[in-house]
PDB file of N, CA and C in Angstrom:
ATOM      1  N   UNK A   1       0.759  -1.209   0.008  1.00  0.00           N
ATOM      2  CA  UNK A   1       0.012   0.006  -0.015  1.00  0.00           C
ATOM      3  C   UNK A   1       0.902   1.261  -0.016  1.00  0.00           C
ATOM      4  N   UNK A   2       1.952   1.209   0.760  1.00  0.00           N
ATOM      5  CA  UNK A   2       2.874   2.402   0.793  1.00  0.00           C
ATOM      6  C   UNK A   2       3.404   2.690  -0.613  1.00  0.00           C
ATOM      7  N   UNK A   3       3.716   1.676  -1.402  1.00  0.00           N
ATOM      8  CA  UNK A   3       4.208   1.888  -2.814  1.00  0.00           C
ATOM      9  C   UNK A   3       3.137   2.568  -3.624  1.00  0.00           C
ATOM     10  N   UNK A   4       1.861   2.224  -3.502  1.00  0.00           N
ATOM     11  CA  UNK A   4       0.795   2.838  -4.264  1.00  0.00           C
ATOM     12  C   UNK A   4       0.646   4.346  -3.858  1.00  0.00           C
ATOM     13  N   UNK A   5       0.722   4.620  -2.583  1.00  0.00           N
ATOM     14  CA  UNK A   5       0.700   6.022  -2.066  1.00  0.00           C
ATOM     15  C   UNK A   5       1.859   6.753  -2.663  1.00  0.00           C
ATOM     16  N   UNK A   6       2.997   6.195  -2.704  1.00  0.00           N
ATOM     17  CA  UNK A   6       4.216   6.843  -3.290  1.00  0.00           C
ATOM     18  C   UNK A   6       4.034   7.182  -4.711  1.00  0.00           C
ATOM     19  N   UNK A   7       3.423   6.222  -5.473  1.00  0.00           N
ATOM     20  CA  UNK A   7       3.202   6.478  -6.922  1.00  0.00           C
ATOM     21  C   UNK A   7       2.149   7.567  -7.117  1.00  0.00           C
ATOM     22  N   UNK A   8       1.077   7.628  -6.259  1.00  0.00           N
ATOM     23  CA  UNK A   8       0.125   8.625  -6.424  1.00  0.00           C
ATOM     24  C   UNK A   8       0.740   9.954  -6.091  1.00  0.00           C
ATOM     25  N   UNK A   9       1.578  10.039  -5.010  1.00  0.00           N
ATOM     26  CA  UNK A   9       2.301  11.255  -4.684  1.00  0.00           C
ATOM     27  C   UNK A   9       3.134  11.771  -5.835  1.00  0.00           C
ATOM     28  N   UNK A  10       3.854  10.879  -6.510  1.00  0.00           N
ATOM     29  CA  UNK A  10       4.730  11.262  -7.584  1.00  0.00           C
ATOM     30  C   UNK A  10       3.912  11.810  -8.729  1.00  0.00           C
ATOM     31  N   UNK A  11       2.796  11.165  -9.062  1.00  0.00           N
ATOM     32  CA  UNK A  11       1.973  11.657 -10.203  1.00  0.00           C
ATOM     33  C   UNK A  11       1.384  13.036  -9.843  1.00  0.00           C
ATOM     34  N   UNK A  12       0.974  13.241  -8.688  1.00  0.00           N
ATOM     35  CA  UNK A  12       0.395  14.551  -8.322  1.00  0.00           C
ATOM     36  C   UNK A  12       1.506  15.633  -8.374  1.00  0.00           C
ATOM     37  N   UNK A  13       2.776  15.267  -7.980  1.00  0.00           N
ATOM     38  CA  UNK A  13       3.842  16.180  -8.068  1.00  0.00           C
ATOM     39  C   UNK A  13       4.191  16.593  -9.443  1.00  0.00           C
ATOM     40  N   UNK A  14       4.140  15.604 -10.308  1.00  0.00           N
ATOM     41  CA  UNK A  14       4.435  15.929 -11.779  1.00  0.00           C
ATOM     42  C   UNK A  14       3.363  16.802 -12.337  1.00  0.00           C
ATOM     43  N   UNK A  15       2.105  16.495 -11.948  1.00  0.00           N
ATOM     44  CA  UNK A  15       0.988  17.328 -12.439  1.00  0.00           C
ATOM     45  C   UNK A  15       1.102  18.672 -11.907  1.00  0.00           C
ATOM     46  N   UNK A  16       1.622  18.857 -10.664  1.00  0.00           N
ATOM     47  CA  UNK A  16       1.884  20.212 -10.074  1.00  0.00           C
ATOM     48  C   UNK A  16       2.901  20.966 -10.954  1.00  0.00           C
ATOM     49  N   UNK A  17       3.920  20.322 -11.386  1.00  0.00           N
ATOM     50  CA  UNK A  17       4.913  20.998 -12.236  1.00  0.00           C
ATOM     51  C   UNK A  17       4.313  21.383 -13.610  1.00  0.00           C
ATOM     52  N   UNK A  18       3.466  20.488 -14.203  1.00  0.00           N
ATOM     53  CA  UNK A  18       2.856  20.793 -15.419  1.00  0.00           C
ATOM     54  C   UNK A  18       2.023  22.039 -15.256  1.00  0.00           C
ATOM     55  N   UNK A  19       1.162  22.037 -14.212  1.00  0.00           N
ATOM     56  CA  UNK A  19       0.287  23.266 -14.048  1.00  0.00           C
ATOM     57  C   UNK A  19       1.074  24.482 -13.659  1.00  0.00           C
ATOM     58  N   UNK A  20       2.193  24.316 -12.997  1.00  0.00           N
ATOM     59  CA  UNK A  20       2.992  25.491 -12.691  1.00  0.00           C
ATOM     60  C   UNK A  20       3.586  26.110 -14.019  1.00  0.00           C
ATOM     61  N   UNK A  21       3.990  25.202 -14.893  1.00  0.00           N
ATOM     62  CA  UNK A  21       4.524  25.628 -16.204  1.00  0.00           C
ATOM     63  C   UNK A  21       3.424  26.393 -16.944  1.00  0.00           C
ATOM     64  N   UNK A  22       2.199  26.114 -16.697  1.00  0.00           N
ATOM     65  CA  UNK A  22       1.092  26.830 -17.335  1.00  0.00           C
ATOM     66  C   UNK A  22       0.585  27.969 -16.534  1.00  0.00           C
ATOM     67  N   UNK A  23       1.359  28.285 -15.424  1.00  0.00           N
ATOM     68  CA  UNK A  23       1.071  29.422 -14.565  1.00  0.00           C
ATOM     69  C   UNK A  23      -0.272  29.364 -13.942  1.00  0.00           C
ATOM     70  N   UNK A  24      -0.696  28.158 -13.481  1.00  0.00           N
ATOM     71  CA  UNK A  24      -1.987  27.958 -12.874  1.00  0.00           C
ATOM     72  C   UNK A  24      -1.825  27.744 -11.419  1.00  0.00           C
ATOM     73  N   UNK A  25      -2.455  28.612 -10.585  1.00  0.00           N
ATOM     74  CA  UNK A  25      -2.239  28.564  -9.096  1.00  0.00           C
ATOM     75  C   UNK A  25      -2.626  27.188  -8.474  1.00  0.00           C
ATOM     76  N   UNK A  26      -3.474  26.482  -9.124  1.00  0.00           N
ATOM     77  CA  UNK A  26      -3.912  25.135  -8.569  1.00  0.00           C
ATOM     78  C   UNK A  26      -2.708  24.179  -8.447  1.00  0.00           C
ATOM     79  N   UNK A  27      -1.622  24.480  -9.044  1.00  0.00           N
ATOM     80  CA  UNK A  27      -0.429  23.589  -8.967  1.00  0.00           C
ATOM     81  C   UNK A  27       0.009  23.424  -7.507  1.00  0.00           C
ATOM     82  N   UNK A  28      -0.197  24.507  -6.673  1.00  0.00           N
ATOM     83  CA  UNK A  28       0.187  24.369  -5.309  1.00  0.00           C
ATOM     84  C   UNK A  28      -0.617  23.353  -4.494  1.00  0.00           C
ATOM     85  N   UNK A  29      -1.894  23.245  -4.834  1.00  0.00           N
ATOM     86  CA  UNK A  29      -2.710  22.261  -4.193  1.00  0.00           C
ATOM     87  C   UNK A  29      -2.237  20.815  -4.516  1.00  0.00           C
ATOM     88  N   UNK A  30      -1.816  20.613  -5.743  1.00  0.00           N
ATOM     89  CA  UNK A  30      -1.321  19.318  -6.115  1.00  0.00           C
ATOM     90  C   UNK A  30       0.013  18.998  -5.316  1.00  0.00           C
ATOM     91  N   UNK A  31       0.840  20.024  -5.185  1.00  0.00           N
ATOM     92  CA  UNK A  31       2.090  19.879  -4.420  1.00  0.00           C
ATOM     93  C   UNK A  31       1.784  19.660  -2.958  1.00  0.00           C
ATOM     94  N   UNK A  32       0.920  20.379  -2.369  1.00  0.00           N
ATOM     95  CA  UNK A  32       0.589  20.168  -0.984  1.00  0.00           C
ATOM     96  C   UNK A  32       0.129  18.792  -0.726  1.00  0.00           C
ATOM     97  N   UNK A  33      -0.874  18.277  -1.544  1.00  0.00           N
ATOM     98  CA  UNK A  33      -1.318  16.932  -1.360  1.00  0.00           C
ATOM     99  C   UNK A  33      -0.243  15.915  -1.576  1.00  0.00           C
ATOM    100  N   UNK A  34       0.615  16.142  -2.624  1.00  0.00           N
ATOM    101  CA  UNK A  34       1.668  15.198  -2.911  1.00  0.00           C
ATOM    102  C   UNK A  34       2.655  15.180  -1.734  1.00  0.00           C
ATOM    103  N   UNK A  35       3.000  16.369  -1.181  1.00  0.00           N
ATOM    104  CA  UNK A  35       4.001  16.407  -0.076  1.00  0.00           C
ATOM    105  C   UNK A  35       3.379  15.641   1.162  1.00  0.00           C
ATOM    106  N   UNK A  36       2.099  15.803   1.463  1.00  0.00           N
ATOM    107  CA  UNK A  36       1.507  15.147   2.604  1.00  0.00           C
ATOM    108  C   UNK A  36       1.666  13.602   2.400  1.00  0.00           C
ATOM    109  N   UNK A  37       1.258  13.161   1.187  1.00  0.00           N
ATOM    110  CA  UNK A  37       1.319  11.719   0.943  1.00  0.00           C
ATOM    111  C   UNK A  37       2.788  11.203   0.972  1.00  0.00           C
ATOM    112  N   UNK A  38       3.707  11.993   0.458  1.00  0.00           N
ATOM    113  CA  UNK A  38       5.095  11.608   0.505  1.00  0.00           C
ATOM    114  C   UNK A  38       5.609  11.548   1.960  1.00  0.00           C
ATOM    115  N   UNK A  39       5.168  12.578   2.753  1.00  0.00           N
ATOM    116  CA  UNK A  39       5.513  12.618   4.182  1.00  0.00           C
ATOM    117  C   UNK A  39       5.056  11.341   4.888  1.00  0.00           C
ATOM    118  N   UNK A  40       3.848  10.905   4.551  1.00  0.00           N
ATOM    119  CA  UNK A  40       3.268   9.696   5.121  1.00  0.00           C
ATOM    120  C   UNK A  40       4.105   8.463   4.814  1.00  0.00           C
ATOM    121  N   UNK A  41       4.493   8.401   3.514  1.00  0.00           N
ATOM    122  CA  UNK A  41       5.326   7.277   3.154  1.00  0.00           C
ATOM    123  C   UNK A  41       6.682   7.280   3.884  1.00  0.00           C
ATOM    124  N   UNK A  42       7.298   8.446   3.948  1.00  0.00           N
ATOM    125  CA  UNK A  42       8.652   8.501   4.565  1.00  0.00           C
ATOM    126  C   UNK A  42       8.527   8.304   6.104  1.00  0.00           C
ATOM    127  N   UNK A  43       7.451   8.789   6.694  1.00  0.00           N
ATOM    128  CA  UNK A  43       7.277   8.502   8.113  1.00  0.00           C
ATOM    129  C   UNK A  43       7.138   7.031   8.384  1.00  0.00           C
ATOM    130  N   UNK A  44       6.292   6.327   7.596  1.00  0.00           N
ATOM    131  CA  UNK A  44       6.105   4.914   7.799  1.00  0.00           C
ATOM    132  C   UNK A  44       7.349   4.077   7.435  1.00  0.00           C
ATOM    133  N   UNK A  45       8.226   4.645   6.602  1.00  0.00           N
ATOM    134  CA  UNK A  45       9.406   3.979   6.175  1.00  0.00           C
ATOM    135  C   UNK A  45      10.545   4.292   7.118  1.00  0.00           C
ATOM    136  N   UNK A  46      10.339   5.252   8.040  1.00  0.00           N
ATOM    137  CA  UNK A  46      11.313   5.739   9.047  1.00  0.00           C
ATOM    138  C   UNK A  46      12.524   6.430   8.283  1.00  0.00           C
ATOM    139  N   UNK A  47      12.175   7.193   7.243  1.00  0.00           N
ATOM    140  CA  UNK A  47      13.230   7.856   6.538  1.00  0.00           C
ATOM    141  C   UNK A  47      12.988   9.340   6.901  1.00  0.00           C
ATOM    142  N   UNK A  48      13.511   9.738   8.067  1.00  0.00           N
ATOM    143  CA  UNK A  48      13.182  11.071   8.644  1.00  0.00           C
ATOM    144  C   UNK A  48      13.868  12.235   7.939  1.00  0.00           C
ATOM    145  N   UNK A  49      14.898  12.052   7.256  1.00  0.00           N
ATOM    146  CA  UNK A  49      15.500  13.171   6.567  1.00  0.00           C
ATOM    147  C   UNK A  49      14.528  13.569   5.378  1.00  0.00           C
ATOM    148  N   UNK A  50      13.972  12.555   4.668  1.00  0.00           N
ATOM    149  CA  UNK A  50      13.048  12.866   3.546  1.00  0.00           C
ATOM    150  C   UNK A  50      11.689  13.381   4.147  1.00  0.00           C
ATOM    151  N   UNK A  51      11.286  12.921   5.341  1.00  0.00           N
ATOM    152  CA  UNK A  51      10.113  13.421   5.927  1.00  0.00           C
ATOM    153  C   UNK A  51      10.275  14.963   6.226  1.00  0.00           C
ATOM    154  N   UNK A  52      11.447  15.346   6.762  1.00  0.00           N
ATOM    155  CA  UNK A  52      11.730  16.709   6.941  1.00  0.00           C
ATOM    156  C   UNK A  52      11.636  17.585   5.646  1.00  0.00           C
ATOM    157  N   UNK A  53      12.285  16.959   4.633  1.00  0.00           N
ATOM    158  CA  UNK A  53      12.231  17.590   3.310  1.00  0.00           C
ATOM    159  C   UNK A  53      10.726  17.842   2.817  1.00  0.00           C
ATOM    160  N   UNK A  54       9.875  16.808   2.981  1.00  0.00           N
ATOM    161  CA  UNK A  54       8.529  16.940   2.630  1.00  0.00           C
ATOM    162  C   UNK A  54       7.782  18.026   3.379  1.00  0.00           C
ATOM    163  N   UNK A  55       8.162  18.136   4.674  1.00  0.00           N
ATOM    164  CA  UNK A  55       7.509  19.208   5.519  1.00  0.00           C
ATOM    165  C   UNK A  55       7.972  20.558   5.016  1.00  0.00           C
ATOM    166  N   UNK A  56       9.210  20.723   4.672  1.00  0.00           N
ATOM    167  CA  UNK A  56       9.746  21.963   4.170  1.00  0.00           C
ATOM    168  C   UNK A  56       9.078  22.410   2.849  1.00  0.00           C
ATOM    169  N   UNK A  57       8.947  21.341   1.956  1.00  0.00           N
ATOM    170  CA  UNK A  57       8.262  21.631   0.709  1.00  0.00           C
ATOM    171  C   UNK A  57       6.778  21.909   0.882  1.00  0.00           C
ATOM    172  N   UNK A  58       6.178  21.331   1.885  1.00  0.00           N
ATOM    173  CA  UNK A  58       4.796  21.697   2.090  1.00  0.00           C
ATOM    174  C   UNK A  58       4.619  23.156   2.557  1.00  0.00           C
ATOM    175  N   UNK A  59       5.504  23.584   3.431  1.00  0.00           N
ATOM    176  CA  UNK A  59       5.507  24.995   3.811  1.00  0.00           C
ATOM    177  C   UNK A  59       5.766  25.928   2.659  1.00  0.00           C
ATOM    178  N   UNK A  60       6.660  25.593   1.828  1.00  0.00           N
ATOM    179  CA  UNK A  60       6.990  26.348   0.656  1.00  0.00           C
ATOM    180  C   UNK A  60       5.810  26.378  -0.351  1.00  0.00           C
ATOM    181  N   UNK A  61       5.114  25.266  -0.463  1.00  0.00           N
ATOM    182  CA  UNK A  61       3.945  25.263  -1.344  1.00  0.00           C
ATOM    183  C   UNK A  61       2.819  26.191  -0.816  1.00  0.00           C
ATOM    184  N   UNK A  62       2.619  26.171   0.477  1.00  0.00           N
ATOM    185  CA  UNK A  62       1.649  27.041   1.062  1.00  0.00           C
ATOM    186  C   UNK A  62       2.066  28.580   0.909  1.00  0.00           C
ATOM    187  N   UNK A  63       3.314  28.851   1.045  1.00  0.00           N
ATOM    188  CA  UNK A  63       3.893  30.184   0.821  1.00  0.00           C
ATOM    189  C   UNK A  63       3.594  30.588  -0.640  1.00  0.00           C
ATOM    190  N   UNK A  64       3.881  29.779  -1.524  1.00  0.00           N
ATOM    191  CA  UNK A  64       3.641  30.045  -2.995  1.00  0.00           C
ATOM    192  C   UNK A  64       2.186  30.294  -3.212  1.00  0.00           C
ATOM    193  N   UNK A  65       1.357  29.482  -2.663  1.00  0.00           N
ATOM    194  CA  UNK A  65      -0.098  29.578  -2.905  1.00  0.00           C
ATOM    195  C   UNK A  65      -0.568  30.941  -2.400  1.00  0.00           C
ATOM    196  N   UNK A  66      -0.128  31.315  -1.225  1.00  0.00           N
ATOM    197  CA  UNK A  66      -0.635  32.657  -0.700  1.00  0.00           C
ATOM    198  C   UNK A  66       0.048  33.806  -1.400  1.00  0.00           C
ATOM    199  N   UNK A  67       1.272  33.739  -1.810  1.00  0.00           N
ATOM    200  CA  UNK A  67       1.909  34.737  -2.626  1.00  0.00           C
ATOM    201  C   UNK A  67       1.252  34.942  -3.979  1.00  0.00           C
ATOM    202  N   UNK A  68       0.877  33.862  -4.643  1.00  0.00           N
ATOM    203  CA  UNK A  68       0.209  33.908  -5.951  1.00  0.00           C
ATOM    204  C   UNK A  68      -1.206  34.469  -5.755  1.00  0.00           C
ATOM    205  N   UNK A  69      -1.806  34.217  -4.608  1.00  0.00           N
ATOM    206  CA  UNK A  69      -3.160  34.727  -4.290  1.00  0.00           C
ATOM    207  C   UNK A  69      -3.218  36.259  -4.236  1.00  0.00           C
ATOM    208  N   UNK A  70      -2.068  36.834  -3.760  1.00  0.00           N
ATOM    209  CA  UNK A  70      -2.035  38.267  -3.590  1.00  0.00           C
ATOM    210  C   UNK A  70      -1.952  39.047  -4.975  1.00  0.00           C
ATOM    211  N   UNK A  71      -1.562  38.339  -5.970  1.00  0.00           N
ATOM    212  CA  UNK A  71      -1.388  39.030  -7.281  1.00  0.00           C
ATOM    213  C   UNK A  71      -2.704  39.270  -7.909  1.00  0.00           C
TER     214      UNK A  71
END
């Protein structure tokens, strides 16, 4: 099941990049969900360095979403 969640996370992340390239704010929602899923996988796999990375990327995605909302 963890592998399936990881694959879903990767697909959402790639979709986020595609949407970002098209300058669509919804990209951040894809990244936020993908980072939460990835954090879940890394937590359950006890890979805490990647869990920390996922948390940082989640914060950055929220920051980007709010900054793009101000424009």
